[in-house]
Amino acid sequence: MERKRSRRDRKDGYYLAGLDSMHVMMPFLFGNRTANEAVLGEVLDMTAVDEWLQAKNADSPEFKYTWFHVIAAALAKTIYLRPKMNYFISGHRYYERKKVIVAFNVKRQFADESEEAMAKFVLDPQGAGPVDQVHDYVQSFVHKVRVEDRTEGITGTLDIVKNLPRPLFRLMAWALRKLEYHGLYPDSLAKDDPSYSSVYITNLGSIKMSADYHHLFDWGTNSFFVTIGIRKPRAIYDAQGNVTVHNTIKLGLTIDERIADGYYFAKSLKILRELIAHPELLELPVDTPVEIEG
């Protein structure tokens, strides 16, 4: 359905009018994004994902489907179905992002001196299932940065400006913040900047690290950060108290609490859990509803 346009719309977001007085005042009273972080931890049972991956990779594709593809796709679909998860605050105003964008980093090589390339996946509501979209995007991006050794994303832009004198660099940063405040930040920079995304994911488990928390940034418009920890066997209890050991992964989720209330976040997490418990749902069209109890 076509949105009614507002003169306050941004290139990347729809202005949210008609908010209650508390939400209108929150950006003025409660400080910046980093002062309003809500931190959640979620342990996911990956048993169903393991079974799904075994079937999906049975034909030994050149680029296999992984836990990361499933988690990134589940986050993207959850955000698509739960629009407030795609809200952001800029210039003391609320906006709904026009697209679902998943940002993450890719190591060029697994070595200390290797640089990271910054990737941004844009969900296509009319495209294939979200897990296939994520898989194909990651395959293409990884090939570019690891095989073709191409500089992708904002990395190339940063390489150009990194040697500016400090006073000039500070002046440039001040000017960019002013442009952002008024919704005039250049598309040429925002399109590759991971801080302009619906969710920013860091896959710490891939480098054998684990952390339950990553802060948000006051730069950009990102309101949602997710850390993926190390896969780990954990005891899982059923409704009768019986215990079995399953492969699990822990997500650390940091959210700007001004964009929605706790009930909305909790229901969004239920959808995320349902998608992980039934990963075949991620092969269906993006707008396919997800049924959850309550």
C-alpha atoms as a PDB file:
ATOM      1  CA  MET A   1       0.000   0.000   0.000  1.00  0.00           C
ATOM      2  CA  GLU A   2       1.337   3.435  -0.983  1.00  0.00           C
ATOM      3  CA  ARG A   3       2.274   5.623   1.974  1.00  0.00           C
ATOM      4  CA  LYS A   4       0.935   9.151   2.197  1.00  0.00           C
ATOM      5  CA  ARG A   5       3.884  11.442   1.636  1.00  0.00           C
ATOM      6  CA  SER A   6       4.887  14.100   4.137  1.00  0.00           C
ATOM      7  CA  ARG A   7       7.113  17.112   3.611  1.00  0.00           C
ATOM      8  CA  ARG A   8       9.082  15.818   6.623  1.00  0.00           C
ATOM      9  CA  ASP A   9       9.880  12.470   4.995  1.00  0.00           C
ATOM     10  CA  ARG A  10      13.538  11.628   4.481  1.00  0.00           C
ATOM     11  CA  LYS A  11      15.043   9.851   1.504  1.00  0.00           C
ATOM     12  CA  ASP A  12      15.466   6.760   3.686  1.00  0.00           C
ATOM     13  CA  GLY A  13      12.478   7.052   6.013  1.00  0.00           C
ATOM     14  CA  TYR A  14       8.834   8.024   6.413  1.00  0.00           C
ATOM     15  CA  TYR A  15       8.107  10.685   9.025  1.00  0.00           C
ATOM     16  CA  LEU A  16       5.914   9.328  11.818  1.00  0.00           C
ATOM     17  CA  ALA A  17       3.159  11.773  12.638  1.00  0.00           C
ATOM     18  CA  GLY A  18       0.499  11.453  15.335  1.00  0.00           C
ATOM     19  CA  LEU A  19       2.724  10.030  18.072  1.00  0.00           C
ATOM     20  CA  ASP A  20       1.665  10.465  21.688  1.00  0.00           C
ATOM     21  CA  SER A  21       3.163  13.365  23.609  1.00  0.00           C
ATOM     22  CA  MET A  22       5.591  11.175  25.566  1.00  0.00           C
ATOM     23  CA  HIS A  23       7.206   9.787  22.416  1.00  0.00           C
ATOM     24  CA  VAL A  24       7.380  13.263  20.873  1.00  0.00           C
ATOM     25  CA  MET A  25       9.276  14.518  23.927  1.00  0.00           C
ATOM     26  CA  MET A  26      11.551  11.509  24.495  1.00  0.00           C
ATOM     27  CA  PRO A  27      14.270  12.475  21.979  1.00  0.00           C
ATOM     28  CA  PHE A  28      14.514  15.895  23.665  1.00  0.00           C
ATOM     29  CA  LEU A  29      14.404  14.685  27.280  1.00  0.00           C
ATOM     30  CA  PHE A  30      16.154  11.320  27.387  1.00  0.00           C
ATOM     31  CA  GLY A  31      19.393  11.933  25.519  1.00  0.00           C
ATOM     32  CA  ASN A  32      20.878  10.221  22.483  1.00  0.00           C
ATOM     33  CA  ARG A  33      20.568   6.663  21.209  1.00  0.00           C
ATOM     34  CA  THR A  34      23.406   5.293  23.341  1.00  0.00           C
ATOM     35  CA  ALA A  35      21.699   6.647  26.481  1.00  0.00           C
ATOM     36  CA  ASN A  36      18.546   4.658  25.699  1.00  0.00           C
ATOM     37  CA  GLU A  37      19.835   1.133  25.136  1.00  0.00           C
ATOM     38  CA  ALA A  38      17.710  -1.846  26.118  1.00  0.00           C
ATOM     39  CA  VAL A  39      19.839  -4.996  26.284  1.00  0.00           C
ATOM     40  CA  LEU A  40      18.337  -8.465  25.801  1.00  0.00           C
ATOM     41  CA  GLY A  41      19.856 -11.938  25.715  1.00  0.00           C
ATOM     42  CA  GLU A  42      18.283 -14.804  23.792  1.00  0.00           C
ATOM     43  CA  VAL A  43      19.502 -18.432  23.710  1.00  0.00           C
ATOM     44  CA  LEU A  44      18.249 -20.191  20.566  1.00  0.00           C
ATOM     45  CA  ASP A  45      17.937 -23.953  20.190  1.00  0.00           C
ATOM     46  CA  MET A  46      19.462 -24.645  16.757  1.00  0.00           C
ATOM     47  CA  THR A  47      18.375 -28.289  16.444  1.00  0.00           C
ATOM     48  CA  ALA A  48      15.808 -27.594  13.730  1.00  0.00           C
ATOM     49  CA  VAL A  49      18.276 -25.354  11.906  1.00  0.00           C
ATOM     50  CA  ASP A  50      20.900 -28.120  11.909  1.00  0.00           C
ATOM     51  CA  GLU A  51      18.402 -30.539  10.376  1.00  0.00           C
ATOM     52  CA  TRP A  52      17.280 -27.976   7.803  1.00  0.00           C
ATOM     53  CA  LEU A  53      20.882 -27.150   6.860  1.00  0.00           C
ATOM     54  CA  GLN A  54      21.718 -30.826   6.408  1.00  0.00           C
ATOM     55  CA  ALA A  55      18.860 -31.185   3.927  1.00  0.00           C
ATOM     56  CA  LYS A  56      19.541 -27.846   2.223  1.00  0.00           C
ATOM     57  CA  ASN A  57      23.228 -28.673   1.728  1.00  0.00           C
ATOM     58  CA  ALA A  58      22.646 -32.315   0.787  1.00  0.00           C
ATOM     59  CA  ASP A  59      23.644 -31.657  -2.831  1.00  0.00           C
ATOM     60  CA  SER A  60      26.932 -30.119  -1.657  1.00  0.00           C
ATOM     61  CA  PRO A  61      26.512 -26.659  -3.170  1.00  0.00           C
ATOM     62  CA  GLU A  62      29.693 -24.700  -3.804  1.00  0.00           C
ATOM     63  CA  PHE A  63      28.616 -22.129  -1.224  1.00  0.00           C
ATOM     64  CA  LYS A  64      26.836 -23.838   1.654  1.00  0.00           C
ATOM     65  CA  TYR A  65      23.973 -22.445   3.718  1.00  0.00           C
ATOM     66  CA  THR A  66      25.046 -21.661   7.296  1.00  0.00           C
ATOM     67  CA  TRP A  67      23.703 -20.657  10.683  1.00  0.00           C
ATOM     68  CA  PHE A  68      24.548 -17.036   9.849  1.00  0.00           C
ATOM     69  CA  HIS A  69      22.325 -17.059   6.757  1.00  0.00           C
ATOM     70  CA  VAL A  70      19.417 -18.409   8.793  1.00  0.00           C
ATOM     71  CA  ILE A  71      19.846 -15.946  11.675  1.00  0.00           C
ATOM     72  CA  ALA A  72      20.277 -12.939   9.364  1.00  0.00           C
ATOM     73  CA  ALA A  73      17.227 -13.976   7.329  1.00  0.00           C
ATOM     74  CA  ALA A  74      15.154 -14.526  10.487  1.00  0.00           C
ATOM     75  CA  LEU A  75      16.083 -11.069  11.769  1.00  0.00           C
ATOM     76  CA  ALA A  76      15.240  -9.475   8.412  1.00  0.00           C
ATOM     77  CA  LYS A  77      11.843 -11.179   8.243  1.00  0.00           C
ATOM     78  CA  THR A  78      11.052 -10.312  11.865  1.00  0.00           C
ATOM     79  CA  ILE A  79      11.797  -6.649  11.185  1.00  0.00           C
ATOM     80  CA  TYR A  80       9.663  -6.748   8.028  1.00  0.00           C
ATOM     81  CA  LEU A  81       6.708  -8.193   9.954  1.00  0.00           C
ATOM     82  CA  ARG A  82       7.223  -5.893  12.956  1.00  0.00           C
ATOM     83  CA  PRO A  83       7.539  -2.363  11.504  1.00  0.00           C
ATOM     84  CA  LYS A  84       8.451  -0.616  14.777  1.00  0.00           C
ATOM     85  CA  MET A  85      11.672  -2.644  14.810  1.00  0.00           C
ATOM     86  CA  ASN A  86      12.591  -0.571  11.747  1.00  0.00           C
ATOM     87  CA  TYR A  87      11.963   2.820  13.391  1.00  0.00           C
ATOM     88  CA  PHE A  88      14.763   5.283  14.024  1.00  0.00           C
ATOM     89  CA  ILE A  89      15.154   8.741  15.530  1.00  0.00           C
ATOM     90  CA  SER A  90      17.069  11.488  13.758  1.00  0.00           C
ATOM     91  CA  GLY A  91      16.911  15.230  14.205  1.00  0.00           C
ATOM     92  CA  HIS A  92      14.686  14.630  17.267  1.00  0.00           C
ATOM     93  CA  ARG A  93      12.023  13.087  15.013  1.00  0.00           C
ATOM     94  CA  TYR A  94      10.748   9.545  14.535  1.00  0.00           C
ATOM     95  CA  TYR A  95      10.921   7.802  11.166  1.00  0.00           C
ATOM     96  CA  GLU A  96      10.112   4.396   9.724  1.00  0.00           C
ATOM     97  CA  ARG A  97      12.899   3.141   7.463  1.00  0.00           C
ATOM     98  CA  LYS A  98      11.717   2.564   3.912  1.00  0.00           C
ATOM     99  CA  LYS A  99      13.673  -0.681   3.492  1.00  0.00           C
ATOM    100  CA  VAL A 100      14.810  -3.598   5.651  1.00  0.00           C
ATOM    101  CA  ILE A 101      18.612  -3.465   5.635  1.00  0.00           C
ATOM    102  CA  VAL A 102      20.943  -5.959   7.354  1.00  0.00           C
ATOM    103  CA  ALA A 103      24.541  -4.800   7.875  1.00  0.00           C
ATOM    104  CA  PHE A 104      27.516  -6.962   8.849  1.00  0.00           C
ATOM    105  CA  ASN A 105      31.288  -7.199   8.482  1.00  0.00           C
ATOM    106  CA  VAL A 106      33.251  -9.720   6.407  1.00  0.00           C
ATOM    107  CA  LYS A 107      36.904 -10.507   7.124  1.00  0.00           C
ATOM    108  CA  ARG A 108      38.945 -10.575   3.912  1.00  0.00           C
ATOM    109  CA  GLN A 109      41.222 -13.212   5.429  1.00  0.00           C
ATOM    110  CA  PHE A 110      41.309 -14.806   8.887  1.00  0.00           C
ATOM    111  CA  ALA A 111      44.493 -13.034   9.946  1.00  0.00           C
ATOM    112  CA  ASP A 112      45.309 -10.257  12.434  1.00  0.00           C
ATOM    113  CA  GLU A 113      46.416  -7.837   9.734  1.00  0.00           C
ATOM    114  CA  SER A 114      43.457  -8.512   7.453  1.00  0.00           C
ATOM    115  CA  GLU A 115      40.941  -5.697   6.949  1.00  0.00           C
ATOM    116  CA  GLU A 116      37.182  -5.979   7.280  1.00  0.00           C
ATOM    117  CA  ALA A 117      34.763  -5.167   4.481  1.00  0.00           C
ATOM    118  CA  MET A 118      31.384  -3.744   5.440  1.00  0.00           C
ATOM    119  CA  ALA A 119      28.335  -5.328   3.793  1.00  0.00           C
ATOM    120  CA  LYS A 120      24.688  -4.253   3.586  1.00  0.00           C
ATOM    121  CA  PHE A 121      21.976  -6.633   2.471  1.00  0.00           C
ATOM    122  CA  VAL A 122      18.670  -5.072   1.367  1.00  0.00           C
ATOM    123  CA  LEU A 123      15.634  -7.350   1.684  1.00  0.00           C
ATOM    124  CA  ASP A 124      13.475  -7.558  -1.439  1.00  0.00           C
ATOM    125  CA  PRO A 125       9.815  -7.981  -0.378  1.00  0.00           C
ATOM    126  CA  GLN A 126       8.979  -9.315  -3.854  1.00  0.00           C
ATOM    127  CA  GLY A 127      11.991 -11.623  -4.140  1.00  0.00           C
ATOM    128  CA  ALA A 128      12.763 -15.182  -3.112  1.00  0.00           C
ATOM    129  CA  GLY A 129      12.499 -16.390   0.467  1.00  0.00           C
ATOM    130  CA  PRO A 130      14.689 -14.308   2.803  1.00  0.00           C
ATOM    131  CA  VAL A 131      17.155 -17.118   3.540  1.00  0.00           C
ATOM    132  CA  ASP A 132      17.861 -17.610  -0.174  1.00  0.00           C
ATOM    133  CA  GLN A 133      18.226 -13.853  -0.635  1.00  0.00           C
ATOM    134  CA  VAL A 134      20.748 -13.636   2.227  1.00  0.00           C
ATOM    135  CA  HIS A 135      22.679 -16.697   1.018  1.00  0.00           C
ATOM    136  CA  ASP A 136      23.006 -15.388  -2.538  1.00  0.00           C
ATOM    137  CA  TYR A 137      24.012 -11.898  -1.390  1.00  0.00           C
ATOM    138  CA  VAL A 138      26.674 -13.205   0.994  1.00  0.00           C
ATOM    139  CA  GLN A 139      28.049 -15.537  -1.673  1.00  0.00           C
ATOM    140  CA  SER A 140      28.405 -12.650  -4.112  1.00  0.00           C
ATOM    141  CA  PHE A 141      29.893 -10.284  -1.533  1.00  0.00           C
ATOM    142  CA  VAL A 142      32.405 -12.800  -0.180  1.00  0.00           C
ATOM    143  CA  HIS A 143      33.560 -13.615  -3.718  1.00  0.00           C
ATOM    144  CA  LYS A 144      34.189  -9.923  -4.401  1.00  0.00           C
ATOM    145  CA  VAL A 145      36.219  -9.214  -1.269  1.00  0.00           C
ATOM    146  CA  ARG A 146      38.078 -12.524  -0.898  1.00  0.00           C
ATOM    147  CA  VAL A 147      38.525 -13.786  -4.458  1.00  0.00           C
ATOM    148  CA  GLU A 148      38.454 -10.649  -6.588  1.00  0.00           C
ATOM    149  CA  ASP A 149      40.006  -8.597  -3.729  1.00  0.00           C
ATOM    150  CA  ARG A 150      37.719  -5.674  -4.497  1.00  0.00           C
ATOM    151  CA  THR A 151      37.120  -2.884  -1.994  1.00  0.00           C
ATOM    152  CA  GLU A 152      33.421  -2.865  -1.206  1.00  0.00           C
ATOM    153  CA  GLY A 153      31.084  -0.628   0.737  1.00  0.00           C
ATOM    154  CA  ILE A 154      32.132   2.397   2.735  1.00  0.00           C
ATOM    155  CA  THR A 155      35.692   1.037   3.117  1.00  0.00           C
ATOM    156  CA  GLY A 156      36.706   2.609  -0.194  1.00  0.00           C
ATOM    157  CA  THR A 157      35.327   6.005   0.825  1.00  0.00           C
ATOM    158  CA  LEU A 158      37.112   5.891   4.180  1.00  0.00           C
ATOM    159  CA  ASP A 159      40.401   5.036   2.444  1.00  0.00           C
ATOM    160  CA  ILE A 160      40.121   8.281   0.501  1.00  0.00           C
ATOM    161  CA  VAL A 161      39.477  10.622   3.451  1.00  0.00           C
ATOM    162  CA  LYS A 162      41.479   8.925   6.229  1.00  0.00           C
ATOM    163  CA  ASN A 163      44.606  11.033   5.648  1.00  0.00           C
ATOM    164  CA  LEU A 164      42.905  14.419   5.886  1.00  0.00           C
ATOM    165  CA  PRO A 165      44.391  16.848   8.460  1.00  0.00           C
ATOM    166  CA  ARG A 166      42.594  16.652  11.796  1.00  0.00           C
ATOM    167  CA  PRO A 167      41.009  20.139  11.669  1.00  0.00           C
ATOM    168  CA  LEU A 168      39.606  19.390   8.216  1.00  0.00           C
ATOM    169  CA  PHE A 169      38.419  15.969   9.344  1.00  0.00           C
ATOM    170  CA  ARG A 170      36.634  17.512  12.345  1.00  0.00           C
ATOM    171  CA  LEU A 171      35.007  20.123  10.125  1.00  0.00           C
ATOM    172  CA  MET A 172      33.830  17.422   7.739  1.00  0.00           C
ATOM    173  CA  ALA A 173      32.391  15.335  10.619  1.00  0.00           C
ATOM    174  CA  TRP A 174      30.568  18.401  11.995  1.00  0.00           C
ATOM    175  CA  ALA A 175      29.101  19.176   8.573  1.00  0.00           C
ATOM    176  CA  LEU A 176      27.950  15.571   8.061  1.00  0.00           C
ATOM    177  CA  ARG A 177      26.234  15.527  11.463  1.00  0.00           C
ATOM    178  CA  LYS A 178      24.401  18.730  10.579  1.00  0.00           C
ATOM    179  CA  LEU A 179      23.287  17.229   7.273  1.00  0.00           C
ATOM    180  CA  GLU A 180      22.089  14.102   9.068  1.00  0.00           C
ATOM    181  CA  TYR A 181      20.117  16.150  11.602  1.00  0.00           C
ATOM    182  CA  HIS A 182      18.198  17.788   8.779  1.00  0.00           C
ATOM    183  CA  GLY A 183      17.777  14.573   6.756  1.00  0.00           C
ATOM    184  CA  LEU A 184      20.213  15.695   4.065  1.00  0.00           C
ATOM    185  CA  TYR A 185      23.020  13.171   4.607  1.00  0.00           C
ATOM    186  CA  PRO A 186      24.364  12.167   1.153  1.00  0.00           C
ATOM    187  CA  ASP A 187      22.968   8.953  -0.324  1.00  0.00           C
ATOM    188  CA  SER A 188      26.406   8.190  -1.742  1.00  0.00           C
ATOM    189  CA  LEU A 189      27.722   7.781   1.811  1.00  0.00           C
ATOM    190  CA  ALA A 190      24.639   6.351   3.553  1.00  0.00           C
ATOM    191  CA  LYS A 191      24.142   3.522   1.044  1.00  0.00           C
ATOM    192  CA  ASP A 192      27.371   1.834   2.135  1.00  0.00           C
ATOM    193  CA  ASP A 193      27.506   2.899   5.784  1.00  0.00           C
ATOM    194  CA  PRO A 194      26.423   0.045   8.124  1.00  0.00           C
ATOM    195  CA  SER A 195      25.256   2.612  10.673  1.00  0.00           C
ATOM    196  CA  TYR A 196      22.409   3.336   8.251  1.00  0.00           C
ATOM    197  CA  SER A 197      20.710  -0.038   8.586  1.00  0.00           C
ATOM    198  CA  SER A 198      17.759  -1.768  10.233  1.00  0.00           C
ATOM    199  CA  VAL A 199      20.006  -4.173  12.134  1.00  0.00           C
ATOM    200  CA  TYR A 200      23.776  -4.363  12.461  1.00  0.00           C
ATOM    201  CA  ILE A 201      25.039  -7.911  13.111  1.00  0.00           C
ATOM    202  CA  THR A 202      28.438  -8.921  14.389  1.00  0.00           C
ATOM    203  CA  ASN A 203      29.147 -12.658  14.100  1.00  0.00           C
ATOM    204  CA  LEU A 204      31.600 -13.127  16.953  1.00  0.00           C
ATOM    205  CA  GLY A 205      31.061 -16.868  16.947  1.00  0.00           C
ATOM    206  CA  SER A 206      32.841 -17.107  13.594  1.00  0.00           C
ATOM    207  CA  ILE A 207      36.069 -15.946  15.287  1.00  0.00           C
ATOM    208  CA  LYS A 208      35.489 -18.020  18.441  1.00  0.00           C
ATOM    209  CA  MET A 209      34.456 -15.083  20.585  1.00  0.00           C
ATOM    210  CA  SER A 210      31.356 -14.486  22.616  1.00  0.00           C
ATOM    211  CA  ALA A 211      29.838 -11.290  23.987  1.00  0.00           C
ATOM    212  CA  ASP A 212      26.332 -10.579  25.214  1.00  0.00           C
ATOM    213  CA  TYR A 213      26.370  -6.868  24.417  1.00  0.00           C
ATOM    214  CA  HIS A 214      27.440  -4.367  21.789  1.00  0.00           C
ATOM    215  CA  HIS A 215      26.596  -0.693  22.159  1.00  0.00           C
ATOM    216  CA  LEU A 216      24.599   1.294  19.628  1.00  0.00           C
ATOM    217  CA  PHE A 217      26.070   4.309  17.851  1.00  0.00           C
ATOM    218  CA  ASP A 218      24.991   7.938  17.986  1.00  0.00           C
ATOM    219  CA  TRP A 219      26.195   8.172  14.409  1.00  0.00           C
ATOM    220  CA  GLY A 220      23.762   7.178  11.667  1.00  0.00           C
ATOM    221  CA  THR A 221      20.253   5.805  12.172  1.00  0.00           C
ATOM    222  CA  ASN A 222      20.732   2.214  13.321  1.00  0.00           C
ATOM    223  CA  SER A 223      18.470   1.341  16.296  1.00  0.00           C
ATOM    224  CA  PHE A 224      19.168  -2.409  16.577  1.00  0.00           C
ATOM    225  CA  PHE A 225      22.481  -4.268  17.103  1.00  0.00           C
ATOM    226  CA  VAL A 226      22.855  -8.053  17.397  1.00  0.00           C
ATOM    227  CA  THR A 227      25.869 -10.084  18.469  1.00  0.00           C
ATOM    228  CA  ILE A 228      26.036 -13.780  17.536  1.00  0.00           C
ATOM    229  CA  GLY A 229      28.019 -15.843  20.018  1.00  0.00           C
ATOM    230  CA  ILE A 230      29.751 -19.210  19.864  1.00  0.00           C
ATOM    231  CA  ARG A 231      27.704 -22.321  19.160  1.00  0.00           C
ATOM    232  CA  LYS A 232      27.557 -24.265  22.379  1.00  0.00           C
ATOM    233  CA  PRO A 233      25.788 -27.367  23.721  1.00  0.00           C
ATOM    234  CA  ARG A 234      23.342 -26.423  26.471  1.00  0.00           C
ATOM    235  CA  ALA A 235      20.755 -28.222  28.571  1.00  0.00           C
ATOM    236  CA  ILE A 236      17.231 -27.689  27.201  1.00  0.00           C
ATOM    237  CA  TYR A 237      14.224 -28.404  29.414  1.00  0.00           C
ATOM    238  CA  ASP A 238      10.816 -29.353  28.037  1.00  0.00           C
ATOM    239  CA  ALA A 239       7.446 -28.521  29.631  1.00  0.00           C
ATOM    240  CA  GLN A 240       7.642 -31.649  31.822  1.00  0.00           C
ATOM    241  CA  GLY A 241      11.104 -30.786  33.143  1.00  0.00           C
ATOM    242  CA  ASN A 242      12.940 -33.385  31.073  1.00  0.00           C
ATOM    243  CA  VAL A 243      16.384 -32.283  29.967  1.00  0.00           C
ATOM    244  CA  THR A 244      18.297 -32.918  26.751  1.00  0.00           C
ATOM    245  CA  VAL A 245      21.467 -31.331  25.389  1.00  0.00           C
ATOM    246  CA  HIS A 246      21.107 -29.385  22.131  1.00  0.00           C
ATOM    247  CA  ASN A 247      23.290 -27.177  19.979  1.00  0.00           C
ATOM    248  CA  THR A 248      22.494 -23.573  20.863  1.00  0.00           C
ATOM    249  CA  ILE A 249      23.621 -20.082  20.100  1.00  0.00           C
ATOM    250  CA  LYS A 250      23.226 -16.949  22.193  1.00  0.00           C
ATOM    251  CA  LEU A 251      22.238 -13.641  20.691  1.00  0.00           C
ATOM    252  CA  GLY A 252      22.913 -10.337  22.417  1.00  0.00           C
ATOM    253  CA  LEU A 253      20.352  -7.773  21.276  1.00  0.00           C
ATOM    254  CA  THR A 254      20.728  -4.049  21.905  1.00  0.00           C
ATOM    255  CA  ILE A 255      17.748  -1.874  20.963  1.00  0.00           C
ATOM    256  CA  ASP A 256      16.919   1.814  21.221  1.00  0.00           C
ATOM    257  CA  GLU A 257      14.106   1.524  23.758  1.00  0.00           C
ATOM    258  CA  ARG A 258      12.489   4.751  22.554  1.00  0.00           C
ATOM    259  CA  ILE A 259      11.230   3.146  19.318  1.00  0.00           C
ATOM    260  CA  ALA A 260       8.780   0.712  20.977  1.00  0.00           C
ATOM    261  CA  ASP A 261       7.706  -0.709  24.331  1.00  0.00           C
ATOM    262  CA  GLY A 262       8.737  -3.946  26.035  1.00  0.00           C
ATOM    263  CA  TYR A 263       5.609  -5.817  24.935  1.00  0.00           C
ATOM    264  CA  TYR A 264       6.367  -5.050  21.289  1.00  0.00           C
ATOM    265  CA  PHE A 265       9.963  -6.257  21.660  1.00  0.00           C
ATOM    266  CA  ALA A 266       8.821  -9.427  23.434  1.00  0.00           C
ATOM    267  CA  LYS A 267       6.344 -10.330  20.685  1.00  0.00           C
ATOM    268  CA  SER A 268       9.012  -9.650  18.054  1.00  0.00           C
ATOM    269  CA  LEU A 269      11.329 -12.087  19.831  1.00  0.00           C
ATOM    270  CA  LYS A 270       8.567 -14.721  19.744  1.00  0.00           C
ATOM    271  CA  ILE A 271       8.475 -14.427  15.960  1.00  0.00           C
ATOM    272  CA  LEU A 272      12.271 -14.722  15.805  1.00  0.00           C
ATOM    273  CA  ARG A 273      12.160 -17.883  17.940  1.00  0.00           C
ATOM    274  CA  GLU A 274       9.425 -19.369  15.739  1.00  0.00           C
ATOM    275  CA  LEU A 275      11.478 -18.783  12.606  1.00  0.00           C
ATOM    276  CA  ILE A 276      14.519 -20.452  14.136  1.00  0.00           C
ATOM    277  CA  ALA A 277      12.365 -23.379  15.308  1.00  0.00           C
ATOM    278  CA  HIS A 278      10.898 -23.680  11.791  1.00  0.00           C
ATOM    279  CA  PRO A 279      13.576 -22.447   9.358  1.00  0.00           C
ATOM    280  CA  GLU A 280      11.581 -23.745   6.391  1.00  0.00           C
ATOM    281  CA  LEU A 281       9.387 -20.659   6.897  1.00  0.00           C
ATOM    282  CA  LEU A 282      12.334 -18.599   5.680  1.00  0.00           C
ATOM    283  CA  GLU A 283      11.991 -20.176   2.243  1.00  0.00           C
ATOM    284  CA  LEU A 284       8.505 -18.703   1.869  1.00  0.00           C
ATOM    285  CA  PRO A 285       7.789 -15.180   0.537  1.00  0.00           C
ATOM    286  CA  VAL A 286       8.853 -12.437   2.919  1.00  0.00           C
ATOM    287  CA  ASP A 287       5.316 -11.254   3.649  1.00  0.00           C
ATOM    288  CA  THR A 288       4.081 -14.710   4.693  1.00  0.00           C
ATOM    289  CA  PRO A 289       2.663 -14.273   8.239  1.00  0.00           C
ATOM    290  CA  VAL A 290       4.175 -16.182  11.176  1.00  0.00           C
ATOM    291  CA  GLU A 291       1.677 -17.608  13.650  1.00  0.00           C
ATOM    292  CA  ILE A 292       2.661 -17.440  17.307  1.00  0.00           C
ATOM    293  CA  GLU A 293       0.793 -18.108  20.533  1.00  0.00           C
ATOM    294  CA  GLY A 294      -0.446 -15.047  22.306  1.00  0.00           C
END
